[in-house]
Amino acid sequence: MKPARRYIFRHALLLTTALVALAACNAFDRMTDIGADPKLDNIQNPTKAPGYIPVSMPMPPPGLGEQQPNSLWHTGARAFFRDQRASRVGDILTVVVTINDQAQLQNETQRARTNTEDDSLTNFFGFESLLQNWFPKAVDPTSLANISTNSTQVGNGSVNRSEQINLRVAVTISQVLPNGNLVLHGRQQVSVNFDLRDLEISGVIRPEDIASDNTITYDQIAEARIRYGGHGQIEDIQQPRYGEQIFDILMPF
């Protein structure tokens, strides 16, 4: 075997071995879960999670929003007594998610082009007779080049999307920004019939947007990140196999 072929064969063998080992590891994990519900994750401090980055947002000039001295009224409060709404790190509030989106798009593109070019060189200071020295003897100066192209392209695309989500999830205040805005983060997991549904919400809110019942709607969350998905037997059936996914990525056509 030549060195180049040996090199390619060796690296292909290593790649195949790695893919088989990865598939075997995943298959072993799935085998251990046969007949059991998907395991729920432990409750953890989101600020201690790997990759957590504290939120940094533009701040107003110093001095704005400060409390006035000798005042019984607390800024943002709705009563003279202590406000029961979430306002400190660790406090809990409820986010109401009501999404009802519908979108319909229809695009159609048609393109056609026909080009024809006919070139001749009948007289060129008498040098046209020398063309036979460089080109075949059958060259005809009156028809040196005759090019014709014809291309047609037709494209159609459509989108018909409908999404409806109605959820209420409790979240925790994880950070208080210098201007008083609150950073929230919450996660909810529900296991039903061997299928795990996972909901995660994070973003920035204003304390005054929190309702008197300690709730806030998702459209009042700035930099909102809402992820709703899951995994389990139903999700596994809906996903294409690993080999098909790799083939779709690598296939250039």
Protein backbone atom coordinates (compact mmCIF):
# COMPACT_ATOMS: atom_id res chain seq x y z
CA MET A 1 0.00 0.00 0.00
CA LYS A 2 1.36 3.42 -0.97
CA PRO A 3 2.15 5.92 1.84
CA ALA A 4 -0.60 8.33 0.71
CA ARG A 5 -3.22 5.59 0.66
CA ARG A 6 -1.98 4.25 3.99
CA TYR A 7 -2.31 7.75 5.50
CA ILE A 8 -5.89 8.19 4.22
CA PHE A 9 -6.86 4.67 5.30
CA ARG A 10 -5.45 5.19 8.80
CA HIS A 11 -7.31 8.47 9.38
CA ALA A 12 -10.53 7.05 7.94
CA LEU A 13 -10.22 4.09 10.30
CA LEU A 14 -9.68 6.41 13.29
CA LEU A 15 -12.71 8.50 12.33
CA THR A 16 -14.88 5.42 11.90
CA THR A 17 -13.72 4.06 15.26
CA ALA A 18 -14.53 7.35 16.98
CA LEU A 19 -18.03 7.45 15.46
CA VAL A 20 -18.72 3.85 16.42
CA ALA A 21 -17.50 4.50 19.99
CA LEU A 22 -19.71 7.59 20.26
CA ALA A 23 -22.74 5.69 18.98
CA ALA A 24 -21.99 2.79 21.34
CA CYS A 25 -21.73 5.16 24.32
CA ASN A 26 -25.05 6.76 23.45
CA ALA A 27 -26.62 3.34 22.87
CA PHE A 28 -25.38 2.17 26.29
CA ASP A 29 -26.94 5.21 27.98
CA ARG A 30 -30.23 4.53 26.22
CA MET A 31 -30.09 0.85 27.16
CA THR A 32 -29.81 1.77 30.86
CA ASP A 33 -33.01 3.86 30.57
CA ILE A 34 -35.17 1.09 29.08
CA GLY A 35 -38.35 0.71 31.11
CA ALA A 36 -37.67 3.79 33.23
CA ASP A 37 -38.82 7.40 33.05
CA PRO A 38 -36.30 9.98 31.85
CA LYS A 39 -34.31 11.33 34.80
CA LEU A 40 -34.87 14.90 35.91
CA ASP A 41 -31.92 17.19 36.47
CA ASN A 42 -31.02 18.34 39.95
CA ILE A 43 -31.95 21.86 41.03
CA GLN A 44 -28.87 24.01 40.68
CA ASN A 45 -27.83 27.60 41.16
CA PRO A 46 -27.90 29.11 37.61
CA THR A 47 -25.06 31.51 38.50
CA LYS A 48 -22.80 28.49 39.19
CA ALA A 49 -23.60 26.71 35.93
CA PRO A 50 -20.71 26.30 33.46
CA GLY A 51 -20.62 29.14 30.97
CA TYR A 52 -22.79 31.49 33.04
CA ILE A 53 -22.01 35.14 32.26
CA PRO A 54 -23.43 37.99 34.39
CA VAL A 55 -25.66 40.34 32.41
CA SER A 56 -24.22 43.73 31.51
CA MET A 57 -26.70 46.29 30.16
CA PRO A 58 -26.49 50.05 29.42
CA MET A 59 -27.02 52.05 32.60
CA PRO A 60 -28.61 55.54 33.02
CA PRO A 61 -26.53 58.42 34.38
CA PRO A 62 -25.91 58.28 38.16
CA GLY A 63 -28.49 60.01 40.30
CA LEU A 64 -31.60 59.02 38.34
CA GLY A 65 -34.25 57.02 40.17
CA GLU A 66 -32.89 57.70 43.66
CA GLN A 67 -35.25 57.78 46.62
CA GLN A 68 -36.15 61.16 48.04
CA PRO A 69 -35.34 61.65 51.73
CA ASN A 70 -38.13 62.11 54.31
CA SER A 71 -40.63 60.27 52.11
CA LEU A 72 -42.95 57.49 53.27
CA TRP A 73 -43.57 56.31 49.72
CA HIS A 74 -41.19 53.67 48.36
CA THR A 75 -40.39 54.05 44.67
CA GLY A 76 -42.22 51.38 42.67
CA ALA A 77 -44.38 50.24 45.61
CA ARG A 78 -48.17 49.98 45.39
CA ALA A 79 -48.85 50.36 49.10
CA PHE A 80 -47.32 51.90 52.21
CA PHE A 81 -46.50 48.42 53.47
CA ARG A 82 -43.66 46.32 52.19
CA ASP A 83 -44.05 45.35 48.55
CA GLN A 84 -44.56 41.58 48.24
CA ARG A 85 -43.45 41.46 44.62
CA ALA A 86 -40.11 39.93 43.68
CA SER A 87 -37.32 42.48 43.95
CA ARG A 88 -34.25 40.78 45.43
CA VAL A 89 -31.91 38.01 44.36
CA GLY A 90 -33.54 34.69 45.15
CA ASP A 91 -37.12 35.98 45.01
CA ILE A 92 -39.58 34.03 42.86
CA LEU A 93 -42.14 35.36 40.40
CA THR A 94 -44.34 33.79 37.72
CA VAL A 95 -43.89 34.35 33.99
CA VAL A 96 -47.00 33.97 31.83
CA VAL A 97 -46.14 32.75 28.32
CA THR A 98 -48.96 33.08 25.79
CA ILE A 99 -47.69 32.78 22.23
CA ASN A 100 -50.03 32.47 19.27
CA ASP A 101 -48.02 33.08 16.10
CA GLN A 102 -49.12 32.37 12.55
CA ALA A 103 -47.20 33.09 9.38
CA GLN A 104 -47.91 32.26 5.75
CA LEU A 105 -45.43 33.07 2.99
CA GLN A 106 -45.48 32.14 -0.68
CA ASN A 107 -42.61 32.89 -3.06
CA GLU A 108 -42.17 31.96 -6.70
CA THR A 109 -39.21 32.83 -8.92
CA GLN A 110 -38.77 32.19 -12.63
CA ARG A 111 -35.70 33.13 -14.60
CA ALA A 112 -34.74 32.42 -18.21
CA ARG A 113 -31.81 33.56 -20.32
CA THR A 114 -30.78 32.88 -23.93
CA ASN A 115 -27.45 34.11 -25.34
CA THR A 116 -26.18 33.82 -28.92
CA GLU A 117 -22.80 35.08 -30.16
CA ASP A 118 -21.36 34.80 -33.68
CA ASP A 119 -17.87 36.23 -34.32
CA SER A 120 -15.97 36.51 -37.58
CA LEU A 121 -12.58 37.87 -38.71
CA THR A 122 -12.69 38.11 -42.50
CA ASN A 123 -10.01 40.80 -42.91
CA PHE A 124 -7.23 41.61 -40.49
CA PHE A 125 -4.40 43.27 -42.43
CA GLY A 126 -4.00 40.07 -44.42
CA PHE A 127 -3.02 38.08 -41.34
CA GLU A 128 -6.32 36.15 -41.42
CA SER A 129 -4.71 33.72 -43.83
CA LEU A 130 -2.21 32.76 -41.11
CA LEU A 131 -4.94 31.41 -38.84
CA GLN A 132 -4.40 27.96 -40.31
CA ASN A 133 -0.93 27.93 -38.73
CA TRP A 134 -2.42 27.94 -35.23
CA PHE A 135 -5.88 26.48 -35.78
CA PRO A 136 -7.17 23.44 -37.71
CA LYS A 137 -7.00 23.74 -41.49
CA ALA A 138 -10.79 23.80 -41.70
CA VAL A 139 -10.93 27.17 -39.89
CA ASP A 140 -13.27 29.66 -41.55
CA PRO A 141 -12.51 33.35 -40.88
CA THR A 142 -16.15 34.26 -41.50
CA SER A 143 -17.31 32.08 -38.61
CA LEU A 144 -14.57 31.86 -36.02
CA ALA A 145 -16.87 31.50 -33.00
CA ASN A 146 -20.51 30.57 -32.75
CA ILE A 147 -21.65 30.31 -29.13
CA SER A 148 -25.20 29.74 -27.89
CA THR A 149 -26.36 29.30 -24.29
CA ASN A 150 -29.80 28.71 -22.85
CA SER A 151 -30.62 28.51 -19.11
CA THR A 152 -33.89 28.30 -17.22
CA GLN A 153 -34.50 28.33 -13.48
CA VAL A 154 -37.78 27.93 -11.60
CA GLY A 155 -38.02 28.17 -7.81
CA ASN A 156 -40.98 27.82 -5.46
CA GLY A 157 -41.08 28.22 -1.70
CA SER A 158 -43.80 28.38 0.91
CA VAL A 159 -44.03 28.71 4.68
CA ASN A 160 -47.14 27.84 6.68
CA ARG A 161 -46.33 28.10 10.38
CA SER A 162 -48.64 28.04 13.37
CA GLU A 163 -47.42 28.03 16.97
CA GLN A 164 -49.47 28.22 20.14
CA ILE A 165 -47.98 28.02 23.63
CA ASN A 166 -49.81 28.73 26.90
CA LEU A 167 -47.61 28.28 29.95
CA ARG A 168 -47.01 29.63 33.43
CA VAL A 169 -43.58 29.03 34.91
CA ALA A 170 -41.98 30.21 38.15
CA VAL A 171 -38.58 31.86 37.80
CA THR A 172 -35.97 33.19 40.19
CA ILE A 173 -34.32 36.60 40.32
CA SER A 174 -30.62 35.86 39.76
CA GLN A 175 -29.23 39.39 39.54
CA VAL A 176 -30.15 43.01 40.28
CA LEU A 177 -28.64 45.47 37.80
CA PRO A 178 -27.32 48.87 38.94
CA ASN A 179 -30.35 50.68 37.46
CA GLY A 180 -32.76 48.44 39.38
CA ASN A 181 -33.75 46.13 36.56
CA LEU A 182 -33.98 42.44 37.44
CA VAL A 183 -32.39 39.48 35.66
CA LEU A 184 -34.55 36.38 35.84
CA HIS A 185 -33.89 32.75 35.05
CA GLY A 186 -36.13 29.75 35.39
CA ARG A 187 -36.35 26.19 34.18
CA GLN A 188 -39.16 23.67 34.29
CA GLN A 189 -39.08 19.97 33.44
CA VAL A 190 -42.10 17.70 33.09
CA SER A 191 -41.88 13.96 32.41
CA VAL A 192 -44.99 12.41 30.83
CA ASN A 193 -45.16 8.91 29.33
CA PHE A 194 -41.40 8.47 28.87
CA ASP A 195 -41.08 11.90 27.25
CA LEU A 196 -39.35 14.82 28.98
CA ARG A 197 -40.52 18.36 28.21
CA ASP A 198 -38.07 21.12 29.08
CA LEU A 199 -38.90 24.85 29.38
CA GLU A 200 -36.24 27.48 30.05
CA ILE A 201 -36.77 31.25 30.37
CA SER A 202 -34.29 34.07 30.99
CA GLY A 203 -34.18 37.82 30.41
CA VAL A 204 -34.31 41.29 31.98
CA ILE A 205 -37.44 42.95 33.43
CA ARG A 206 -38.41 46.20 35.13
CA PRO A 207 -39.70 45.90 38.72
CA GLU A 208 -42.66 48.19 37.92
CA ASP A 209 -43.84 45.77 35.20
CA ILE A 210 -44.48 43.04 37.76
CA ALA A 211 -48.22 42.79 38.45
CA SER A 212 -49.73 42.90 41.92
CA ASP A 213 -50.10 39.10 41.90
CA ASN A 214 -46.33 38.78 41.35
CA THR A 215 -46.64 37.79 37.65
CA ILE A 216 -45.22 39.21 34.45
CA THR A 217 -45.96 38.44 30.80
CA TYR A 218 -43.28 37.23 28.42
CA ASP A 219 -43.63 40.30 26.14
CA GLN A 220 -42.39 42.51 29.00
CA ILE A 221 -39.08 40.65 29.19
CA ALA A 222 -36.13 42.32 27.46
CA GLU A 223 -33.50 40.09 25.83
CA ALA A 224 -35.95 37.23 26.36
CA ARG A 225 -34.67 33.72 25.80
CA ILE A 226 -37.47 31.16 25.77
CA ARG A 227 -36.64 27.56 24.91
CA TYR A 228 -39.30 24.89 24.86
CA GLY A 229 -38.41 21.38 23.78
CA GLY A 230 -37.61 18.00 25.18
CA HIS A 231 -36.37 14.51 24.56
CA GLY A 232 -37.57 10.98 25.03
CA GLN A 233 -39.09 8.18 23.00
CA ILE A 234 -41.41 10.41 20.93
CA GLU A 235 -38.70 12.98 20.27
CA ASP A 236 -36.26 10.21 19.32
CA ILE A 237 -38.65 8.81 16.71
CA GLN A 238 -39.17 12.25 15.17
CA GLN A 239 -35.43 12.85 14.72
CA PRO A 240 -33.50 11.43 11.74
CA ARG A 241 -30.77 8.89 12.44
CA TYR A 242 -27.19 10.06 13.09
CA GLY A 243 -25.98 8.63 9.81
CA GLU A 244 -28.66 10.50 7.88
CA GLN A 245 -27.80 13.77 9.66
CA ILE A 246 -24.09 13.34 8.89
CA PHE A 247 -24.91 12.50 5.27
CA ASP A 248 -27.07 15.65 4.93
CA ILE A 249 -24.22 17.78 6.32
CA LEU A 250 -21.43 16.31 4.17
CA MET A 251 -23.35 15.78 0.92
CA PRO A 252 -22.68 18.86 -1.28
CA PHE A 253 -25.58 18.21 -3.68
